Amino acid sequence: MTLRRDFMKMAGSASALSLLYPHLSLAQSRRPMVYACTGGSTGKMEQDIFVDPAAKALNMDIRLDGTMSPAKVEAMVKANAVEWDVVSYTGGFMHAGAEKGLLMPVDRSIVDQTVLEPALRSDYGTNISSGAIVIAWNTKKYGPNAGPQSWAEFWDIKRFPGSRAMYKSSDYLCESALRAAGLRFDEIYPLTDEKLKIVFGKLRELKPHVSLWYTQGAVPAQALATGQIDLALTTTGRIMIVKGEGAPVAWTMKDGFINVFSLTVPKGTPYAKEAMQLMSYAIGEAAQTKLLSSGSYGPVRASVISKATPEQRKYLSFAPENRSAMLLINYQELAKVGIKYAKEWTNFFAG
């Protein structure tokens, strides 16, 4: 009888909760909705522009978790113990996660991706903000306007002697090496076996001059700021932060790579519908417009980019004048290369 009374009590509580909050199911009521990201300055930006405003607009409790890792998403989904309901990460995870069957397809009755250009649409997530992978340098070493203006010049040790920092991953190294080898933007993809031979050849050529192989995005900007290194492959988001703090750094958008950040929804979340609503909010006019003044990341919605001031346009990847001199990264290609050549990349970094 005690068990029956306890069950009826719980059932009554759940019924009352559903009457008070009809948008929540019993499973959803057990915890708040969680937005996972990489934390740091990026997490602060996403909290201010996406998470808090969406929580208010949707009348929901949405918490931010800044410990996002693709491996943890995979473990959660496979264990049927999903703790993250919407995930923010670089566009590569959207493709890799879909390949592994970890993500829910986009509900197009909720998320209208037609506001984005075709190259930014996806069946398993949506791109929400943009940045760039660029060449940056310490101005005490080269001067404010005297750094490399292309990846060919970044590879030119005689003209630009000094220590370099590169990303310890196949991401971005393929594109920079192929550009250094003289390939045009329209020749970079697909990343064929023949092109990968060129990539590894160019990287071996530069490797003796790379003193820092990093895995965390904040590392190269800080290393440039302190003079630990002279040149770096880095992101505009990170380099703009240290520049704003007075660091002696500069960069060029020329020959840069446009990177995008996406929202995805792990399979098994009890907040599938609400996650799609948040996704829709993130590409809405209001949120995208706020990105214009974020100081480090830009919008992906063309109607918003057209509103940017001349000063803001200098740092927006999708501003036409910048985009014409940059390459939009194909994360689907990078995901394939990372898997197919996993052993070769491991050996290259270890050797």
Protein backbone atom coordinates (compact mmCIF):
# COMPACT_ATOMS: atom_id res chain seq x y z
CA MET A 1 0.00 0.00 0.00
CA THR A 2 2.89 2.34 0.82
CA LEU A 3 4.40 1.85 -2.62
CA ARG A 4 1.02 2.52 -4.24
CA ARG A 5 0.52 5.70 -2.21
CA ASP A 6 4.02 6.91 -3.11
CA PHE A 7 3.40 6.22 -6.79
CA MET A 8 0.06 8.06 -6.73
CA LYS A 9 1.74 10.98 -4.95
CA MET A 10 4.43 11.19 -7.63
CA ALA A 11 1.85 10.90 -10.39
CA GLY A 12 -0.17 13.69 -8.83
CA SER A 13 2.92 15.90 -8.60
CA ALA A 14 3.76 15.24 -12.23
CA SER A 15 0.20 16.07 -13.28
CA ALA A 16 0.31 19.32 -11.34
CA LEU A 17 3.67 20.18 -12.90
CA SER A 18 2.35 19.53 -16.39
CA LEU A 19 -0.58 21.86 -15.72
CA LEU A 20 1.73 24.62 -14.48
CA TYR A 21 4.32 24.08 -17.24
CA PRO A 22 2.61 22.44 -20.22
CA HIS A 23 5.75 22.76 -22.39
CA LEU A 24 7.64 20.34 -20.12
CA SER A 25 7.33 16.55 -20.16
CA LEU A 26 8.05 14.47 -17.05
CA ALA A 27 11.46 13.53 -18.45
CA GLN A 28 12.24 17.16 -19.18
CA SER A 29 11.21 18.31 -15.73
CA ARG A 30 13.99 16.29 -14.11
CA ARG A 31 16.69 18.76 -15.12
CA PRO A 32 17.14 22.08 -16.95
CA MET A 33 17.90 22.16 -20.64
CA VAL A 34 21.68 22.25 -21.20
CA TYR A 35 23.58 24.16 -23.90
CA ALA A 36 27.10 22.72 -24.26
CA CYS A 37 29.97 24.73 -25.69
CA THR A 38 33.73 25.12 -25.35
CA GLY A 39 33.52 27.81 -22.69
CA GLY A 40 35.94 30.71 -22.32
CA SER A 41 35.32 33.92 -24.26
CA THR A 42 33.28 31.98 -26.83
CA GLY A 43 31.03 30.62 -24.11
CA LYS A 44 30.52 34.10 -22.66
CA MET A 45 29.53 35.40 -26.09
CA GLU A 46 27.09 32.53 -26.66
CA GLN A 47 25.60 32.97 -23.19
CA ASP A 48 24.92 36.65 -23.86
CA ILE A 49 23.73 36.37 -27.46
CA PHE A 50 22.07 32.95 -27.72
CA VAL A 51 21.45 31.21 -24.39
CA ASP A 52 20.04 33.88 -22.07
CA PRO A 53 17.87 35.64 -24.70
CA ALA A 54 16.54 32.30 -25.98
CA ALA A 55 15.73 31.18 -22.44
CA LYS A 56 13.70 34.35 -21.95
CA ALA A 57 12.00 34.11 -25.34
CA LEU A 58 11.10 30.42 -24.85
CA ASN A 59 10.30 30.82 -21.13
CA MET A 60 12.74 28.05 -20.23
CA ASP A 61 15.57 27.33 -17.82
CA ILE A 62 18.64 26.84 -20.05
CA ARG A 63 22.02 26.22 -18.46
CA LEU A 64 25.40 26.59 -20.16
CA ASP A 65 28.07 23.89 -19.84
CA GLY A 66 31.50 24.96 -21.12
CA THR A 67 33.11 21.51 -21.24
CA MET A 68 31.91 20.36 -24.66
CA SER A 69 33.94 17.59 -26.32
CA PRO A 70 32.89 15.43 -29.30
CA ALA A 71 34.06 12.29 -27.46
CA LYS A 72 31.70 13.00 -24.57
CA VAL A 73 28.75 13.51 -26.92
CA GLU A 74 29.48 10.15 -28.50
CA ALA A 75 29.74 8.46 -25.10
CA MET A 76 26.46 10.01 -23.92
CA VAL A 77 24.50 8.99 -26.99
CA LYS A 78 25.86 5.43 -27.01
CA ALA A 79 25.08 5.03 -23.31
CA ASN A 80 21.60 6.51 -23.81
CA ALA A 81 22.46 9.00 -21.07
CA VAL A 82 22.33 12.35 -22.83
CA GLU A 83 23.04 15.31 -20.55
CA TRP A 84 23.56 17.94 -23.27
CA ASP A 85 20.53 18.96 -25.30
CA VAL A 86 22.08 21.33 -27.82
CA VAL A 87 25.76 21.46 -28.70
CA SER A 88 27.82 24.34 -30.07
CA TYR A 89 31.07 23.46 -31.81
CA THR A 90 32.97 24.08 -35.04
CA GLY A 91 31.23 22.94 -38.20
CA GLY A 92 33.35 19.80 -38.39
CA PHE A 93 31.44 18.13 -35.56
CA MET A 94 28.16 18.61 -37.39
CA HIS A 95 29.45 16.41 -40.21
CA ALA A 96 31.42 13.93 -38.11
CA GLY A 97 28.57 13.53 -35.62
CA ALA A 98 26.08 12.92 -38.42
CA GLU A 99 28.38 10.30 -39.96
CA LYS A 100 28.48 8.46 -36.63
CA GLY A 101 24.70 8.62 -36.15
CA LEU A 102 24.94 10.80 -33.04
CA LEU A 103 22.72 13.69 -34.11
CA MET A 104 19.06 14.35 -34.68
CA PRO A 105 17.99 15.65 -38.10
CA VAL A 106 16.90 19.27 -38.26
CA ASP A 107 13.15 19.78 -37.90
CA ARG A 108 12.54 22.09 -40.83
CA SER A 109 9.05 22.92 -39.60
CA ILE A 110 10.81 24.78 -36.76
CA VAL A 111 14.20 25.77 -38.20
CA ASP A 112 14.02 27.81 -41.40
CA GLN A 113 17.46 27.53 -42.96
CA THR A 114 16.39 29.30 -46.14
CA VAL A 115 17.59 32.52 -44.46
CA LEU A 116 21.12 31.12 -44.92
CA GLU A 117 22.97 30.62 -48.16
CA PRO A 118 22.89 27.00 -49.43
CA ALA A 119 26.51 26.30 -48.44
CA LEU A 120 25.63 26.95 -44.79
CA ARG A 121 22.59 24.68 -44.56
CA SER A 122 22.71 21.15 -43.17
CA ASP A 123 20.40 18.24 -42.43
CA TYR A 124 21.93 17.68 -38.97
CA GLY A 125 22.45 21.15 -37.52
CA THR A 126 22.69 24.77 -38.48
CA ASN A 127 25.57 27.23 -38.67
CA ILE A 128 25.09 30.16 -36.31
CA SER A 129 28.25 32.30 -36.32
CA SER A 130 31.43 32.83 -38.26
CA GLY A 131 35.08 33.56 -37.72
CA ALA A 132 38.26 33.01 -39.66
CA ILE A 133 41.54 31.13 -39.57
CA VAL A 134 44.19 33.70 -40.37
CA ILE A 135 47.89 34.49 -40.42
CA ALA A 136 48.86 36.57 -37.38
CA TRP A 137 52.18 37.93 -36.19
CA ASN A 138 53.95 39.74 -33.39
CA THR A 139 54.36 43.37 -34.47
CA LYS A 140 57.60 43.78 -32.51
CA LYS A 141 59.10 41.18 -34.81
CA TYR A 142 57.77 42.31 -38.19
CA GLY A 143 55.96 45.61 -37.73
CA PRO A 144 52.20 46.32 -37.80
CA ASN A 145 51.84 46.03 -41.57
CA ALA A 146 54.82 43.88 -42.48
CA GLY A 147 53.67 40.33 -41.75
CA PRO A 148 52.99 37.59 -44.33
CA GLN A 149 49.97 38.21 -46.56
CA SER A 150 49.61 34.65 -47.85
CA TRP A 151 50.37 31.07 -46.86
CA ALA A 152 53.16 31.01 -49.43
CA GLU A 153 54.78 33.86 -47.49
CA PHE A 154 54.07 32.11 -44.17
CA TRP A 155 56.15 29.22 -45.53
CA ASP A 156 58.92 31.59 -46.70
CA ILE A 157 61.56 31.16 -43.98
CA LYS A 158 64.11 33.46 -45.63
CA ARG A 159 61.79 36.42 -45.97
CA PHE A 160 60.00 35.80 -42.66
CA PRO A 161 62.42 34.10 -40.27
CA GLY A 162 61.06 33.24 -36.86
CA SER A 163 59.17 30.68 -34.80
CA ARG A 164 55.73 29.52 -35.85
CA ALA A 165 52.62 28.01 -34.23
CA MET A 166 50.32 25.59 -36.05
CA TYR A 167 47.22 23.61 -35.11
CA LYS A 168 47.88 20.02 -34.10
CA SER A 169 45.15 18.55 -36.29
CA SER A 170 44.38 17.89 -39.93
CA ASP A 171 41.95 20.81 -39.76
CA TYR A 172 43.33 23.91 -41.49
CA LEU A 173 46.74 22.35 -42.13
CA CYS A 174 45.51 20.81 -45.37
CA GLU A 175 44.24 24.11 -46.70
CA SER A 176 47.25 26.18 -45.61
CA ALA A 177 49.74 23.67 -47.04
CA LEU A 178 47.92 23.46 -50.36
CA ARG A 179 47.74 27.24 -50.61
CA ALA A 180 51.47 27.39 -49.85
CA ALA A 181 51.97 24.91 -52.69
CA GLY A 182 50.23 27.29 -55.08
CA LEU A 183 46.75 25.78 -55.45
CA ARG A 184 43.88 28.16 -56.09
CA PHE A 185 40.90 28.28 -53.74
CA ASP A 186 38.78 26.36 -56.24
CA GLU A 187 41.43 23.64 -56.42
CA ILE A 188 41.63 22.83 -52.69
CA TYR A 189 38.64 20.47 -52.51
CA PRO A 190 38.11 17.58 -52.79
CA LEU A 191 41.08 16.48 -50.69
CA THR A 192 42.34 13.62 -52.83
CA ASP A 193 45.16 11.20 -52.08
CA GLU A 194 47.39 13.12 -54.48
CA LYS A 195 46.72 16.38 -52.65
CA LEU A 196 47.44 14.77 -49.30
CA LYS A 197 50.91 13.84 -50.57
CA ILE A 198 51.44 17.53 -51.29
CA VAL A 199 50.09 18.45 -47.84
CA PHE A 200 52.49 16.19 -45.94
CA GLY A 201 55.39 17.25 -48.13
CA LYS A 202 54.80 20.95 -47.42
CA LEU A 203 54.27 20.32 -43.71
CA ARG A 204 57.52 18.36 -43.42
CA GLU A 205 59.23 21.30 -45.11
CA LEU A 206 57.92 23.75 -42.49
CA LYS A 207 58.02 21.47 -39.45
CA PRO A 208 61.56 22.40 -38.25
CA HIS A 209 60.36 26.00 -37.91
CA VAL A 210 57.18 25.21 -35.95
CA SER A 211 57.99 25.49 -32.27
CA LEU A 212 54.42 25.24 -31.03
CA TRP A 213 51.79 22.68 -32.05
CA TYR A 214 48.65 23.59 -30.15
CA THR A 215 45.26 21.98 -29.48
CA GLN A 216 43.56 24.78 -27.52
CA GLY A 217 42.40 27.84 -29.48
CA ALA A 218 43.59 30.45 -26.96
CA VAL A 219 47.19 29.20 -26.98
CA PRO A 220 48.63 30.75 -30.18
CA ALA A 221 47.17 34.21 -29.53
CA GLN A 222 48.66 34.27 -26.05
CA ALA A 223 52.00 32.96 -27.35
CA LEU A 224 52.09 35.76 -29.94
CA ALA A 225 51.15 38.35 -27.31
CA THR A 226 54.04 37.33 -25.05
CA GLY A 227 56.57 36.98 -27.87
CA GLN A 228 56.96 33.23 -27.36
CA ILE A 229 56.38 32.84 -31.09
CA ASP A 230 56.52 35.20 -34.06
CA LEU A 231 53.92 33.84 -36.49
CA ALA A 232 50.79 31.76 -36.08
CA LEU A 233 47.87 30.10 -37.75
CA THR A 234 45.11 31.26 -35.42
CA THR A 235 41.50 32.45 -35.22
CA THR A 236 40.26 36.01 -35.52
CA GLY A 237 38.19 35.53 -32.38
CA ARG A 238 41.20 34.80 -30.19
CA ILE A 239 43.61 37.28 -31.78
CA MET A 240 41.10 40.12 -31.53
CA ILE A 241 40.78 39.51 -27.79
CA VAL A 242 44.51 39.88 -27.07
CA LYS A 243 44.71 42.82 -29.48
CA GLY A 244 41.97 44.51 -27.46
CA GLU A 245 44.06 43.94 -24.33
CA GLY A 246 46.95 45.86 -25.87
CA ALA A 247 49.07 42.97 -27.16
CA PRO A 248 51.54 43.73 -30.01
CA VAL A 249 49.78 41.59 -32.61
CA ALA A 250 48.37 42.02 -36.11
CA TRP A 251 46.78 39.77 -38.69
CA THR A 252 45.48 39.71 -42.24
CA MET A 253 42.18 38.47 -43.59
CA LYS A 254 43.89 37.82 -46.93
CA ASP A 255 44.24 34.12 -47.77
CA GLY A 256 42.26 33.28 -44.64
CA PHE A 257 39.82 30.42 -44.16
CA ILE A 258 36.23 31.07 -43.12
CA ASN A 259 35.22 28.82 -40.25
CA VAL A 260 31.70 28.48 -38.97
CA PHE A 261 30.25 27.38 -35.66
CA SER A 262 27.18 25.20 -35.57
CA LEU A 263 24.44 24.01 -33.26
CA THR A 264 23.53 20.32 -33.24
CA VAL A 265 21.14 18.21 -31.20
CA PRO A 266 22.35 14.87 -29.76
CA LYS A 267 20.08 11.87 -30.16
CA GLY A 268 18.24 10.96 -26.99
CA THR A 269 17.67 14.44 -25.58
CA PRO A 270 14.31 14.95 -23.89
CA TYR A 271 14.40 18.53 -25.20
CA ALA A 272 14.43 17.85 -28.93
CA LYS A 273 11.69 20.33 -29.82
CA GLU A 274 13.05 23.04 -27.54
CA ALA A 275 16.57 22.52 -28.91
CA MET A 276 15.22 23.10 -32.42
CA GLN A 277 13.49 26.26 -31.19
CA LEU A 278 16.77 27.50 -29.75
CA MET A 279 18.47 26.69 -33.06
CA SER A 280 15.84 28.73 -34.86
CA TYR A 281 16.37 31.62 -32.44
CA ALA A 282 20.14 31.58 -33.06
CA ILE A 283 19.75 32.27 -36.78
CA GLY A 284 16.98 34.78 -36.24
CA GLU A 285 17.41 38.46 -37.07
CA ALA A 286 17.74 39.60 -33.43
CA ALA A 287 20.51 37.19 -32.38
CA GLN A 288 22.41 37.56 -35.64
CA THR A 289 22.33 41.35 -35.35
CA LYS A 290 23.83 41.18 -31.85
CA LEU A 291 26.80 39.29 -33.32
CA LEU A 292 27.79 42.43 -35.23
CA SER A 293 28.93 44.05 -32.01
CA SER A 294 30.34 40.91 -30.34
CA GLY A 295 33.87 42.00 -31.18
CA SER A 296 35.15 38.60 -32.23
CA TYR A 297 32.54 36.56 -34.10
CA GLY A 298 30.31 37.48 -36.99
CA PRO A 299 26.84 36.61 -38.28
CA VAL A 300 26.09 34.11 -41.03
CA ARG A 301 22.86 35.72 -42.16
CA ALA A 302 23.37 37.89 -45.26
CA SER A 303 20.54 40.26 -44.39
CA VAL A 304 22.37 41.12 -41.16
CA ILE A 305 25.85 41.38 -42.68
CA SER A 306 24.50 44.07 -45.00
CA LYS A 307 23.75 46.21 -41.91
CA ALA A 308 27.34 46.22 -40.65
CA THR A 309 29.27 49.46 -40.30
CA PRO A 310 32.48 49.93 -42.34
CA GLU A 311 34.54 49.26 -39.20
CA GLN A 312 32.63 46.06 -38.41
CA ARG A 313 32.94 44.82 -41.99
CA LYS A 314 36.75 44.78 -41.71
CA TYR A 315 36.51 41.70 -39.49
CA LEU A 316 33.46 39.91 -40.90
CA SER A 317 34.37 36.80 -42.86
CA PHE A 318 31.19 36.95 -44.91
CA ALA A 319 31.49 40.60 -45.85
CA PRO A 320 31.86 40.39 -49.66
CA GLU A 321 35.18 42.26 -49.70
CA ASN A 322 36.71 39.73 -47.28
CA ARG A 323 35.05 36.64 -48.63
CA SER A 324 36.48 37.22 -52.11
CA ALA A 325 39.97 36.77 -50.64
CA MET A 326 39.12 33.80 -48.40
CA LEU A 327 38.20 30.11 -48.56
CA LEU A 328 35.05 28.71 -46.95
CA ILE A 329 36.19 25.59 -45.11
CA ASN A 330 34.60 22.32 -46.22
CA TYR A 331 34.31 20.47 -42.91
CA GLN A 332 32.86 17.41 -44.56
CA GLU A 333 36.10 16.99 -46.51
CA LEU A 334 38.19 17.56 -43.39
CA ALA A 335 36.20 14.95 -41.47
CA LYS A 336 36.92 12.36 -44.17
CA VAL A 337 40.62 13.18 -44.25
CA GLY A 338 40.92 13.07 -40.47
CA ILE A 339 39.47 9.55 -40.40
CA LYS A 340 41.15 8.14 -43.52
CA TYR A 341 44.60 9.47 -42.66
CA ALA A 342 44.41 9.17 -38.86
CA LYS A 343 47.56 7.03 -38.67
CA GLU A 344 49.53 9.32 -40.97
CA TRP A 345 48.61 12.39 -38.90
CA THR A 346 49.58 10.63 -35.67
CA ASN A 347 52.94 9.64 -37.13
CA PHE A 348 53.56 13.14 -38.49
CA PHE A 349 53.01 14.84 -35.14
CA ALA A 350 54.92 12.17 -33.24
CA GLY A 351 57.92 12.09 -35.58
